[in-house]
Amino acid sequence: MNGWPSAPAIYEISTWPWLTGLSRRYGREVTLGDVPGEVWDEVALPGVDAVWLMGVWERSPAGLAVARADESLQDSFRAALPDLSPADVVGSPYCVRRYRADGRLGGPAGLAAARAELRARGVRLVLDYVPNHVAPDHVATFEHPSWFVQGSPADLARDPRGWFTAAGRVLAHGRDPYFPPWPDVAQLNAFDAGLREATAAVLGEIGEQCDGVRCDMAMLLTNEVFARTWGTSVGPAPAEEFWPFVLDRVHARHPDLVLIAEAYWDMEWTLQRQGFDFCYDKRLYDRLVHEDAESLRKHLAADRDYQDGLIRFLENHDEPRAAVTMPGGRGRAAAVAVATLPGAVLWHDGQFDGRRTRLPVFLARFPDEPADPDLAAFYRRLLAVAGPVRRGEWRMLETRGWPDNPSHRDVLAWAWHDEAPHHLVVVNFSDHSAQARIELPWPALAGRSWQLTDLLDGRVFEWDGDELAGAGLYVDLPAWGSHIVTLR
């Protein structure tokens, strides 16, 4: 990870609707190659280390035809865009026909120009790779059928939704083990040696065009999950796992390329050990949305090595908008937490403005929604201060209360420190006020006075070091309140 910070902040942009919005804003067609400099300045906010341009690859006409004919998809499109028109449906960015930047978005030259604009601002570029499946009209379905899960005419007759024909062969539609097949994609065979070599080659080519790659549904390619999903259709698993085989070759070609795994089902540690730099922390997301401070405290008790390899988020293109799932103070408290924990953090375009509509990835246009300027100002401040906080050692801190006041259980606290703490983060993750004493196990605090400055609102507190080293720091926080404090 030479050149990358150890705990990067990554900003996801849904490329096609983002460019559509810019075209409307400037009254002309805007592609990746001619995005105005002022827009790149807006994207490259202080505290953003990388931009993930989601959905730049060439989309499939065959996949688009499936999407336009699927009534359930059309219903979801109309729910997001009540004034939906046929031109708004452009196909799924995860139904890839070719790993070449789509000409309608600016093509390879436009993508290279976008990367140069980001690099000039000290920001890295992240792109997608979809290892589990390709579009049904991908050239490989004709030229390399062994790369795919193949079936028989009997399979097709038994399950016409799970199988299709290409060049006279019966191929499987892509799926995971818990959901029906995806009708717009063809399933790759993770156990095929040729497919593994091809995957390494394509990832290497993508690595020429960016600084990091986010691998879609990466856990589906592990031997255990793939065998469970496809059984006798693919035969016995190879001795070597898919990802170590692939990533060793990619890293030999691009040693500085950062690799991010979309991961679910508690498979983060497995994928970290198989070569990924960061894996989605979906478990933390679920706890932030549905659970309480004690649940978060247990989750954050994991070893630092594991936490450093996680990527935390409150929303992304697959999840509902945070303004819906965590409205008001809960969302801000959760944002302070993910911004100041070890590991990477993923922010999503529109999150800072309080957008409420999760746009299906098939669509080329966002609905019009009012922005929340107060929320945007909060996020700009949070991003600017969070990066410098996350340096040195990280430590969860104990909180104490009183027999008649158990509200300290709702308070989360951690420190970033060297010999003594230089930053403290305190979050009341509850809908009521909470009071606590936070234990600060640094004897060096004693014998001096300390100035505590809240980086979020600028308030300054004076504290006696003997009290801090003895009884601890007293906090009294409103519902969902938080502090990011620097000590001097």
Protein backbone atom coordinates (compact mmCIF):
# COMPACT_ATOMS: atom_id res chain seq x y z
CA MET A 1 0.00 0.00 0.00
CA ASN A 2 2.85 2.40 -0.74
CA GLY A 3 1.44 5.88 -1.21
CA TRP A 4 -1.93 5.05 0.37
CA PRO A 5 -2.77 6.14 3.91
CA SER A 6 -3.26 3.23 6.27
CA ALA A 7 -6.87 4.26 6.96
CA PRO A 8 -8.16 5.85 3.73
CA ALA A 9 -11.46 7.64 3.23
CA ILE A 10 -13.05 6.59 -0.08
CA TYR A 11 -15.88 8.49 -1.77
CA GLU A 12 -18.21 6.49 -4.03
CA ILE A 13 -19.77 8.15 -7.08
CA SER A 14 -22.40 6.47 -9.26
CA THR A 15 -20.77 7.59 -12.47
CA TRP A 16 -23.57 7.62 -15.01
CA PRO A 17 -26.23 9.52 -12.98
CA TRP A 18 -23.51 11.82 -11.65
CA LEU A 19 -22.54 12.79 -15.21
CA THR A 20 -26.21 13.18 -16.15
CA GLY A 21 -26.63 15.62 -13.26
CA LEU A 22 -23.54 17.55 -14.36
CA SER A 23 -24.88 17.70 -17.93
CA ARG A 24 -28.08 19.26 -16.64
CA ARG A 25 -26.14 21.64 -14.41
CA TYR A 26 -23.91 22.94 -17.23
CA GLY A 27 -26.39 22.72 -20.08
CA ARG A 28 -24.15 20.49 -22.19
CA GLU A 29 -23.12 16.85 -22.33
CA VAL A 30 -20.47 16.17 -19.69
CA THR A 31 -18.32 13.04 -19.86
CA LEU A 32 -15.43 11.90 -17.70
CA GLY A 33 -13.03 13.63 -20.05
CA ASP A 34 -14.47 17.12 -19.63
CA VAL A 35 -15.79 17.37 -16.07
CA PRO A 36 -15.10 20.98 -15.03
CA GLY A 37 -12.21 21.50 -12.65
CA GLU A 38 -14.48 23.12 -10.09
CA VAL A 39 -16.45 19.87 -9.88
CA TRP A 40 -13.31 17.83 -9.21
CA ASP A 41 -12.52 20.39 -6.50
CA GLU A 42 -15.95 19.71 -4.97
CA VAL A 43 -15.36 15.96 -5.08
CA ALA A 44 -11.81 16.09 -3.69
CA LEU A 45 -12.90 17.43 -0.31
CA PRO A 46 -10.31 17.71 2.45
CA GLY A 47 -10.26 14.27 4.06
CA VAL A 48 -11.08 12.31 0.88
CA ASP A 49 -8.20 10.03 -0.11
CA ALA A 50 -9.76 8.17 -3.04
CA VAL A 51 -12.77 8.34 -5.35
CA TRP A 52 -14.55 5.18 -6.47
CA LEU A 53 -16.10 5.81 -9.89
CA MET A 54 -18.71 3.07 -9.75
CA GLY A 55 -19.98 1.73 -13.06
CA VAL A 56 -17.53 2.94 -15.74
CA TRP A 57 -17.31 -0.30 -17.78
CA GLU A 58 -19.13 -1.12 -21.00
CA ARG A 59 -22.67 -2.26 -20.28
CA SER A 60 -24.44 -5.06 -22.09
CA PRO A 61 -27.23 -4.53 -24.65
CA ALA A 62 -28.47 -8.02 -23.85
CA GLY A 63 -28.57 -7.18 -20.14
CA LEU A 64 -30.38 -3.94 -20.91
CA ALA A 65 -33.06 -5.85 -22.83
CA VAL A 66 -33.58 -8.13 -19.81
CA ALA A 67 -33.91 -5.13 -17.48
CA ARG A 68 -36.45 -3.41 -19.71
CA ALA A 69 -38.57 -6.56 -19.91
CA ASP A 70 -38.52 -7.34 -16.17
CA GLU A 71 -41.67 -5.98 -14.54
CA SER A 72 -40.36 -6.15 -10.97
CA LEU A 73 -37.30 -4.15 -11.99
CA GLN A 74 -39.47 -1.65 -13.83
CA ASP A 75 -41.56 -1.21 -10.69
CA SER A 76 -38.42 -0.44 -8.67
CA PHE A 77 -37.31 2.02 -11.35
CA ARG A 78 -40.62 3.88 -11.22
CA ALA A 79 -40.52 3.94 -7.41
CA ALA A 80 -37.18 5.77 -7.57
CA LEU A 81 -38.05 7.91 -10.61
CA PRO A 82 -41.79 8.54 -10.87
CA ASP A 83 -41.23 10.34 -14.20
CA LEU A 84 -39.22 7.42 -15.59
CA SER A 85 -38.56 7.43 -19.34
CA PRO A 86 -37.00 4.66 -21.48
CA ALA A 87 -33.79 6.71 -21.80
CA ASP A 88 -33.32 6.59 -18.02
CA VAL A 89 -32.73 2.81 -18.10
CA VAL A 90 -29.16 2.13 -19.26
CA GLY A 91 -28.50 -1.35 -17.85
CA SER A 92 -26.62 -2.67 -14.87
CA PRO A 93 -22.96 -1.72 -14.30
CA TYR A 94 -22.55 -5.25 -12.93
CA CYS A 95 -23.61 -6.78 -16.22
CA VAL A 96 -20.27 -6.09 -17.89
CA ARG A 97 -19.83 -6.78 -21.58
CA ARG A 98 -16.23 -5.61 -21.70
CA TYR A 99 -13.75 -4.09 -19.24
CA ARG A 100 -13.34 -0.98 -21.31
CA ALA A 101 -14.65 2.41 -20.17
CA ASP A 102 -18.05 2.92 -21.78
CA GLY A 103 -17.88 5.30 -24.75
CA ARG A 104 -21.02 7.07 -23.57
CA LEU A 105 -19.17 8.03 -20.38
CA GLY A 106 -16.05 9.23 -22.19
CA GLY A 107 -14.28 5.97 -23.04
CA PRO A 108 -10.71 5.10 -22.01
CA ALA A 109 -9.44 8.60 -22.76
CA GLY A 110 -12.11 10.14 -20.54
CA LEU A 111 -11.31 7.74 -17.73
CA ALA A 112 -7.61 8.56 -18.00
CA ALA A 113 -8.41 12.28 -17.89
CA ALA A 114 -10.55 11.79 -14.78
CA ARG A 115 -7.72 9.92 -13.09
CA ALA A 116 -5.30 12.70 -13.96
CA GLU A 117 -7.63 15.34 -12.48
CA LEU A 118 -7.94 13.36 -9.26
CA ARG A 119 -4.21 12.70 -9.08
CA ALA A 120 -3.52 16.42 -9.49
CA ARG A 121 -5.55 16.93 -6.32
CA GLY A 122 -3.79 14.15 -4.40
CA VAL A 123 -6.74 11.78 -4.70
CA ARG A 124 -6.58 8.15 -5.89
CA LEU A 125 -8.99 6.36 -8.22
CA VAL A 126 -10.87 3.13 -7.40
CA LEU A 127 -12.71 1.07 -10.05
CA ASP A 128 -14.91 -2.05 -10.03
CA TYR A 129 -14.30 -5.64 -10.94
CA VAL A 130 -17.06 -8.28 -11.05
CA PRO A 131 -15.43 -11.70 -10.61
CA ASN A 132 -18.53 -13.87 -10.31
CA HIS A 133 -20.24 -13.24 -13.64
CA VAL A 134 -20.26 -11.39 -16.95
CA ALA A 135 -22.92 -10.28 -19.41
CA PRO A 136 -24.59 -13.05 -21.43
CA ASP A 137 -23.22 -11.48 -24.63
CA HIS A 138 -19.64 -11.27 -23.33
CA VAL A 139 -17.32 -12.66 -25.98
CA ALA A 140 -16.02 -15.30 -23.56
CA THR A 141 -19.39 -17.10 -23.56
CA PHE A 142 -18.61 -18.07 -27.17
CA GLU A 143 -14.81 -18.25 -27.17
CA HIS A 144 -14.12 -19.78 -23.75
CA PRO A 145 -17.13 -21.82 -22.58
CA SER A 146 -14.98 -23.73 -20.09
CA TRP A 147 -14.76 -20.52 -18.04
CA PHE A 148 -18.48 -20.84 -17.23
CA VAL A 149 -20.70 -23.14 -15.20
CA GLN A 150 -22.16 -25.45 -17.82
CA GLY A 151 -25.27 -27.57 -17.69
CA SER A 152 -27.33 -29.86 -19.84
CA PRO A 153 -30.56 -29.56 -21.81
CA ALA A 154 -32.17 -31.32 -18.86
CA ASP A 155 -31.00 -28.53 -16.53
CA LEU A 156 -32.47 -25.94 -18.88
CA ALA A 157 -35.77 -27.78 -19.10
CA ARG A 158 -35.94 -28.25 -15.33
CA ASP A 159 -34.99 -24.65 -14.45
CA PRO A 160 -35.33 -22.26 -17.40
CA ARG A 161 -34.80 -19.27 -15.10
CA GLY A 162 -31.45 -20.59 -13.90
CA TRP A 163 -29.97 -21.57 -17.27
CA PHE A 164 -29.73 -20.22 -20.83
CA THR A 165 -28.08 -21.14 -24.12
CA ALA A 166 -25.06 -19.50 -25.77
CA ALA A 167 -23.46 -20.84 -28.94
CA GLY A 168 -25.36 -24.09 -28.52
CA ARG A 169 -24.20 -24.65 -24.91
CA VAL A 170 -26.26 -24.47 -21.74
CA LEU A 171 -24.74 -21.98 -19.27
CA ALA A 172 -25.86 -20.99 -15.79
CA HIS A 173 -27.12 -17.56 -14.88
CA GLY A 174 -25.13 -15.95 -12.07
CA ARG A 175 -26.35 -16.25 -8.50
CA ASP A 176 -25.39 -16.51 -4.87
CA PRO A 177 -26.57 -19.43 -2.72
CA TYR A 178 -29.37 -17.53 -0.99
CA PHE A 179 -31.25 -15.81 -3.83
CA PRO A 180 -32.76 -16.67 -7.20
CA PRO A 181 -30.49 -16.39 -10.26
CA TRP A 182 -29.75 -13.01 -11.81
CA PRO A 183 -31.31 -13.26 -15.28
CA ASP A 184 -28.98 -10.77 -17.00
CA VAL A 185 -25.59 -12.44 -16.32
CA ALA A 186 -23.65 -15.65 -17.01
CA GLN A 187 -21.99 -17.51 -14.12
CA LEU A 188 -18.21 -17.90 -14.24
CA ASN A 189 -16.60 -21.10 -12.94
CA ALA A 190 -14.20 -20.22 -10.11
CA PHE A 191 -12.74 -23.74 -10.21
CA ASP A 192 -11.59 -23.52 -13.84
CA ALA A 193 -7.84 -22.94 -14.24
CA GLY A 194 -8.29 -20.92 -17.42
CA LEU A 195 -10.80 -18.63 -15.76
CA ARG A 196 -8.40 -18.01 -12.88
CA GLU A 197 -5.63 -17.00 -15.26
CA ALA A 198 -8.04 -14.75 -17.19
CA THR A 199 -9.21 -13.10 -13.96
CA ALA A 200 -5.64 -12.25 -12.99
CA ALA A 201 -5.01 -10.83 -16.47
CA VAL A 202 -8.14 -8.65 -16.46
CA LEU A 203 -7.48 -7.38 -12.94
CA GLY A 204 -3.95 -6.53 -14.06
CA GLU A 205 -5.34 -4.53 -16.98
CA ILE A 206 -7.75 -2.70 -14.67
CA GLY A 207 -4.82 -1.99 -12.36
CA GLU A 208 -3.15 -0.04 -15.19
CA GLN A 209 -6.06 2.42 -15.06
CA CYS A 210 -6.52 3.04 -11.34
CA ASP A 211 -5.04 2.86 -7.84
CA GLY A 212 -7.52 0.46 -6.25
CA VAL A 213 -10.13 -2.12 -7.25
CA ARG A 214 -13.34 -3.00 -5.47
CA CYS A 215 -14.21 -6.67 -6.15
CA ASP A 216 -17.94 -7.30 -6.22
CA MET A 217 -19.31 -10.13 -4.00
CA ALA A 218 -15.79 -11.48 -3.47
CA MET A 219 -16.82 -14.21 -1.04
CA LEU A 220 -18.73 -16.07 -3.77
CA LEU A 221 -15.42 -17.20 -5.29
CA THR A 222 -14.00 -18.89 -2.18
CA ASN A 223 -13.80 -22.65 -2.53
CA GLU A 224 -16.27 -23.37 0.26
CA VAL A 225 -18.97 -20.95 -0.92
CA PHE A 226 -18.59 -21.78 -4.61
CA ALA A 227 -18.79 -25.53 -3.98
CA ARG A 228 -21.86 -25.06 -1.79
CA THR A 229 -23.54 -22.91 -4.44
CA TRP A 230 -22.86 -25.11 -7.48
CA GLY A 231 -22.26 -28.63 -6.17
CA THR A 232 -21.89 -31.31 -8.82
CA SER A 233 -22.13 -28.77 -11.64
CA VAL A 234 -18.51 -27.75 -11.05
CA GLY A 235 -16.86 -30.83 -9.56
CA PRO A 236 -14.31 -30.90 -6.73
CA ALA A 237 -12.58 -27.75 -5.52
CA PRO A 238 -8.95 -27.16 -6.53
CA ALA A 239 -6.33 -27.43 -3.81
CA GLU A 240 -5.60 -23.69 -4.05
CA GLU A 241 -8.14 -21.01 -3.26
CA PHE A 242 -9.29 -18.67 -6.04
CA TRP A 243 -8.19 -15.36 -4.54
CA PRO A 244 -4.63 -16.21 -3.44
CA PHE A 245 -3.99 -17.59 -6.93
CA VAL A 246 -5.34 -14.44 -8.58
CA LEU A 247 -4.10 -11.78 -6.20
CA ASP A 248 -0.53 -13.08 -6.05
CA ARG A 249 -0.32 -12.50 -9.80
CA VAL A 250 -2.00 -9.09 -9.61
CA HIS A 251 0.31 -7.90 -6.83
CA ALA A 252 3.35 -9.07 -8.79
CA ARG A 253 2.25 -6.72 -11.56
CA HIS A 254 0.89 -3.90 -9.38
CA PRO A 255 2.38 -4.10 -5.88
CA ASP A 256 0.76 -0.81 -4.80
CA LEU A 257 -2.76 -1.63 -6.04
CA VAL A 258 -5.25 -1.64 -3.15
CA LEU A 259 -7.84 -4.42 -3.32
CA ILE A 260 -11.23 -4.10 -1.63
CA ALA A 261 -13.62 -7.01 -1.14
CA GLU A 262 -17.36 -6.61 -0.97
CA ALA A 263 -17.87 -9.26 1.70
CA TYR A 264 -20.83 -10.62 3.66
CA TRP A 265 -21.67 -13.62 5.89
CA ASP A 266 -18.83 -12.86 8.34
CA MET A 267 -16.20 -13.80 5.75
CA GLU A 268 -14.07 -10.67 6.20
CA TRP A 269 -11.23 -12.41 8.04
CA THR A 270 -11.10 -15.20 5.45
CA LEU A 271 -10.78 -12.69 2.61
CA GLN A 272 -8.23 -10.59 4.46
CA ARG A 273 -6.06 -13.68 4.83
CA GLN A 274 -6.55 -14.45 1.13
CA GLY A 275 -4.98 -11.16 0.09
CA PHE A 276 -7.50 -8.31 0.29
CA ASP A 277 -6.44 -5.02 1.87
CA PHE A 278 -9.95 -4.08 3.00
CA CYS A 279 -13.26 -5.93 3.35
CA TYR A 280 -16.75 -4.53 3.87
CA ASP A 281 -17.75 -4.36 7.55
CA LYS A 282 -21.40 -5.23 7.00
CA ARG A 283 -21.75 -6.46 10.58
CA LEU A 284 -20.90 -2.99 11.94
CA TYR A 285 -23.35 -1.43 9.49
CA ASP A 286 -26.18 -3.67 10.72
CA ARG A 287 -25.36 -2.87 14.33
CA LEU A 288 -25.30 0.87 13.67
CA VAL A 289 -28.71 0.70 12.00
CA HIS A 290 -30.50 -1.72 14.32
CA GLU A 291 -28.64 -2.18 17.60
CA ASP A 292 -27.24 -0.30 20.59
CA ALA A 293 -23.98 0.87 22.09
CA GLU A 294 -23.26 -2.41 23.87
CA SER A 295 -23.54 -4.29 20.58
CA LEU A 296 -21.09 -1.86 18.98
CA ARG A 297 -18.71 -2.17 21.93
CA LYS A 298 -18.56 -5.94 21.51
CA HIS A 299 -17.94 -5.60 17.78
CA LEU A 300 -15.08 -3.18 18.33
CA ALA A 301 -13.34 -5.53 20.76
CA ALA A 302 -11.79 -7.37 17.79
CA ASP A 303 -8.02 -7.33 17.29
CA ARG A 304 -6.52 -4.26 15.68
CA ASP A 305 -5.01 -6.29 12.82
CA TYR A 306 -8.51 -7.37 11.81
CA GLN A 307 -10.04 -3.92 12.22
CA ASP A 308 -7.33 -2.28 10.14
CA GLY A 309 -8.50 -4.41 7.21
CA LEU A 310 -12.16 -3.38 7.37
CA ILE A 311 -13.98 -0.69 5.42
CA ARG A 312 -16.82 0.95 7.36
CA PHE A 313 -19.87 2.60 5.79
CA LEU A 314 -23.33 3.97 6.52
CA GLU A 315 -24.60 3.58 2.97
CA ASN A 316 -23.48 2.63 -0.53
CA HIS A 317 -25.27 1.87 -3.80
CA ASP A 318 -26.51 -1.48 -2.41
CA GLU A 319 -27.89 -0.15 0.88
CA PRO A 320 -30.75 2.24 1.67
CA ARG A 321 -29.83 5.85 2.17
CA ALA A 322 -28.56 6.71 5.65
CA ALA A 323 -31.04 9.59 5.86
CA VAL A 324 -33.77 6.92 5.84
CA THR A 325 -32.20 4.18 7.97
CA MET A 326 -30.46 6.49 10.48
CA PRO A 327 -32.29 9.81 10.42
CA GLY A 328 -31.32 12.81 12.50
CA GLY A 329 -28.95 12.43 15.40
CA ARG A 330 -28.43 8.68 15.05
CA GLY A 331 -26.90 9.17 11.61
CA ARG A 332 -24.53 11.85 12.85
CA ALA A 333 -23.42 9.75 15.81
CA ALA A 334 -22.82 6.79 13.49
CA ALA A 335 -20.86 9.03 11.10
CA VAL A 336 -18.57 10.21 13.89
CA ALA A 337 -17.95 6.58 14.83
CA VAL A 338 -17.07 5.23 11.39
CA ALA A 339 -14.98 8.30 10.57
CA THR A 340 -12.73 7.82 13.61
CA LEU A 341 -12.37 4.03 13.88
CA PRO A 342 -9.42 2.02 12.55
CA GLY A 343 -9.65 0.78 8.98
CA ALA A 344 -10.98 2.48 5.89
CA VAL A 345 -14.24 4.40 5.58
CA LEU A 346 -16.56 4.58 2.58
CA TRP A 347 -18.74 7.62 1.92
CA HIS A 348 -21.41 7.75 -0.78
CA ASP A 349 -22.32 10.56 -3.18
CA GLY A 350 -25.52 12.19 -1.93
CA GLN A 351 -25.03 11.01 1.65
CA PHE A 352 -23.68 14.38 2.73
CA ASP A 353 -26.70 16.17 1.24
CA GLY A 354 -29.23 13.91 2.95
CA ARG A 355 -30.55 12.21 -0.18
CA ARG A 356 -33.28 9.69 0.64
CA THR A 357 -33.79 7.75 -2.59
CA ARG A 358 -31.63 4.69 -3.23
CA LEU A 359 -31.24 4.71 -6.98
CA PRO A 360 -31.28 1.33 -8.76
CA VAL A 361 -27.92 0.91 -10.48
CA PHE A 362 -29.67 0.45 -13.84
CA LEU A 363 -30.73 4.11 -13.98
CA ALA A 364 -28.93 7.08 -15.51
CA ARG A 365 -30.58 9.87 -13.53
CA PHE A 366 -31.14 10.84 -9.91
CA PRO A 367 -34.52 12.20 -8.84
CA ASP A 368 -34.61 15.81 -7.74
CA GLU A 369 -34.30 16.02 -3.95
CA PRO A 370 -33.74 19.00 -1.66
CA ALA A 371 -30.28 19.20 -0.12
CA ASP A 372 -29.72 19.58 3.62
CA PRO A 373 -27.06 22.33 3.93
CA ASP A 374 -26.67 21.84 7.69
CA LEU A 375 -25.93 18.12 7.21
CA ALA A 376 -23.51 18.93 4.40
CA ALA A 377 -21.63 21.36 6.65
CA PHE A 378 -21.43 18.70 9.39
CA TYR A 379 -19.93 16.15 6.98
CA ARG A 380 -17.43 18.61 5.53
CA ARG A 381 -16.20 19.39 9.02
CA LEU A 382 -16.12 15.72 10.02
CA LEU A 383 -14.09 14.69 6.96
CA ALA A 384 -11.61 17.49 7.48
CA VAL A 385 -10.88 16.60 11.12
CA ALA A 386 -11.15 12.78 11.05
CA GLY A 387 -8.05 12.03 8.98
CA PRO A 388 -5.50 13.60 11.34
CA VAL A 389 -7.22 11.94 14.31
CA ARG A 390 -6.48 8.40 13.10
CA ARG A 391 -2.76 8.08 13.77
CA GLY A 392 -0.73 6.18 16.34
CA GLU A 393 -2.29 3.51 18.52
CA TRP A 394 -6.04 3.04 18.91
CA ARG A 395 -7.67 1.93 22.14
CA MET A 396 -11.21 1.39 23.35
CA LEU A 397 -11.81 3.10 26.69
CA GLU A 398 -13.92 1.94 29.61
CA THR A 399 -16.81 4.04 30.85
CA ARG A 400 -18.12 4.10 34.42
CA GLY A 401 -21.36 5.31 35.90
CA TRP A 402 -23.27 5.43 39.16
CA PRO A 403 -25.73 3.04 40.85
CA ASP A 404 -28.67 5.31 40.11
CA ASN A 405 -27.54 6.23 36.59
CA PRO A 406 -26.65 3.39 34.17
CA SER A 407 -26.59 5.70 31.13
CA HIS A 408 -22.80 5.28 30.84
CA ARG A 409 -23.55 2.00 29.05
CA ASP A 410 -24.75 4.06 26.09
CA VAL A 411 -21.46 5.93 25.84
CA LEU A 412 -18.71 4.69 23.51
CA ALA A 413 -15.20 6.07 23.83
CA TRP A 414 -11.84 5.46 22.22
CA ALA A 415 -8.48 7.16 22.02
CA TRP A 416 -5.78 7.60 19.44
CA HIS A 417 -2.52 7.99 21.28
CA ASP A 418 1.23 7.76 21.46
CA GLU A 419 2.71 7.87 24.97
CA ALA A 420 -0.33 9.95 25.96
CA PRO A 421 -3.67 10.40 24.22
CA HIS A 422 -3.74 13.07 21.56
CA HIS A 423 -7.35 12.54 20.48
CA LEU A 424 -10.43 11.23 22.28
CA VAL A 425 -13.71 10.28 20.61
CA VAL A 426 -16.85 10.02 22.72
CA VAL A 427 -20.26 9.08 21.31
CA ASN A 428 -23.61 8.78 23.10
CA PHE A 429 -25.25 6.13 20.94
CA SER A 430 -28.73 6.49 22.39
CA ASP A 431 -31.85 8.63 22.10
CA HIS A 432 -31.52 10.07 25.61
CA SER A 433 -28.90 12.04 27.51
CA ALA A 434 -26.04 10.09 29.05
CA GLN A 435 -23.38 10.77 31.66
CA ALA A 436 -20.17 8.84 32.25
CA ARG A 437 -16.66 8.87 33.60
CA ILE A 438 -14.19 7.76 30.95
CA GLU A 439 -11.14 5.96 32.26
CA LEU A 440 -7.93 7.39 30.83
CA PRO A 441 -5.10 4.98 31.67
CA TRP A 442 -2.23 7.40 31.06
CA PRO A 443 -0.44 8.43 34.27
CA ALA A 444 1.45 11.11 32.32
CA LEU A 445 -1.71 13.21 32.41
CA ALA A 446 -1.18 13.90 36.11
CA GLY A 447 0.57 16.97 37.42
CA ARG A 448 -0.36 19.23 34.51
CA SER A 449 -3.37 21.12 33.26
CA TRP A 450 -4.91 20.13 29.95
CA GLN A 451 -6.88 21.95 27.30
CA LEU A 452 -9.47 19.80 25.52
CA THR A 453 -10.73 21.24 22.22
CA ASP A 454 -13.72 19.74 20.44
CA LEU A 455 -12.80 19.65 16.77
CA LEU A 456 -16.43 19.45 15.65
CA ASP A 457 -17.71 22.64 17.25
CA GLY A 458 -14.61 24.44 18.54
CA ARG A 459 -15.54 24.41 22.23
CA VAL A 460 -12.60 24.44 24.63
CA PHE A 461 -12.56 22.77 28.08
CA GLU A 462 -9.91 23.12 30.79
CA TRP A 463 -9.17 20.02 32.91
CA ASP A 464 -6.88 19.23 35.78
CA GLY A 465 -4.54 16.37 34.86
CA ASP A 466 -4.76 14.75 38.29
CA GLU A 467 -8.51 14.38 37.89
CA LEU A 468 -8.14 13.00 34.35
CA ALA A 469 -5.56 10.42 35.48
CA GLY A 470 -7.59 9.54 38.59
CA ALA A 471 -11.37 9.76 38.39
CA GLY A 472 -11.32 10.09 34.61
CA LEU A 473 -12.99 12.46 32.17
CA TYR A 474 -16.58 13.36 33.01
CA VAL A 475 -18.92 13.73 30.05
CA ASP A 476 -22.57 14.74 29.84
CA LEU A 477 -23.89 14.24 26.33
CA PRO A 478 -27.33 14.89 24.83
CA ALA A 479 -29.08 12.20 22.80
CA TRP A 480 -26.77 11.08 19.96
CA GLY A 481 -24.20 13.66 21.04
CA SER A 482 -20.49 13.26 20.38
CA HIS A 483 -17.08 14.83 20.91
CA ILE A 484 -13.89 14.56 18.89
CA VAL A 485 -11.40 16.09 21.29
CA THR A 486 -7.75 16.96 20.95
CA LEU A 487 -5.68 17.19 24.14
CA ARG A 488 -2.94 19.75 24.74
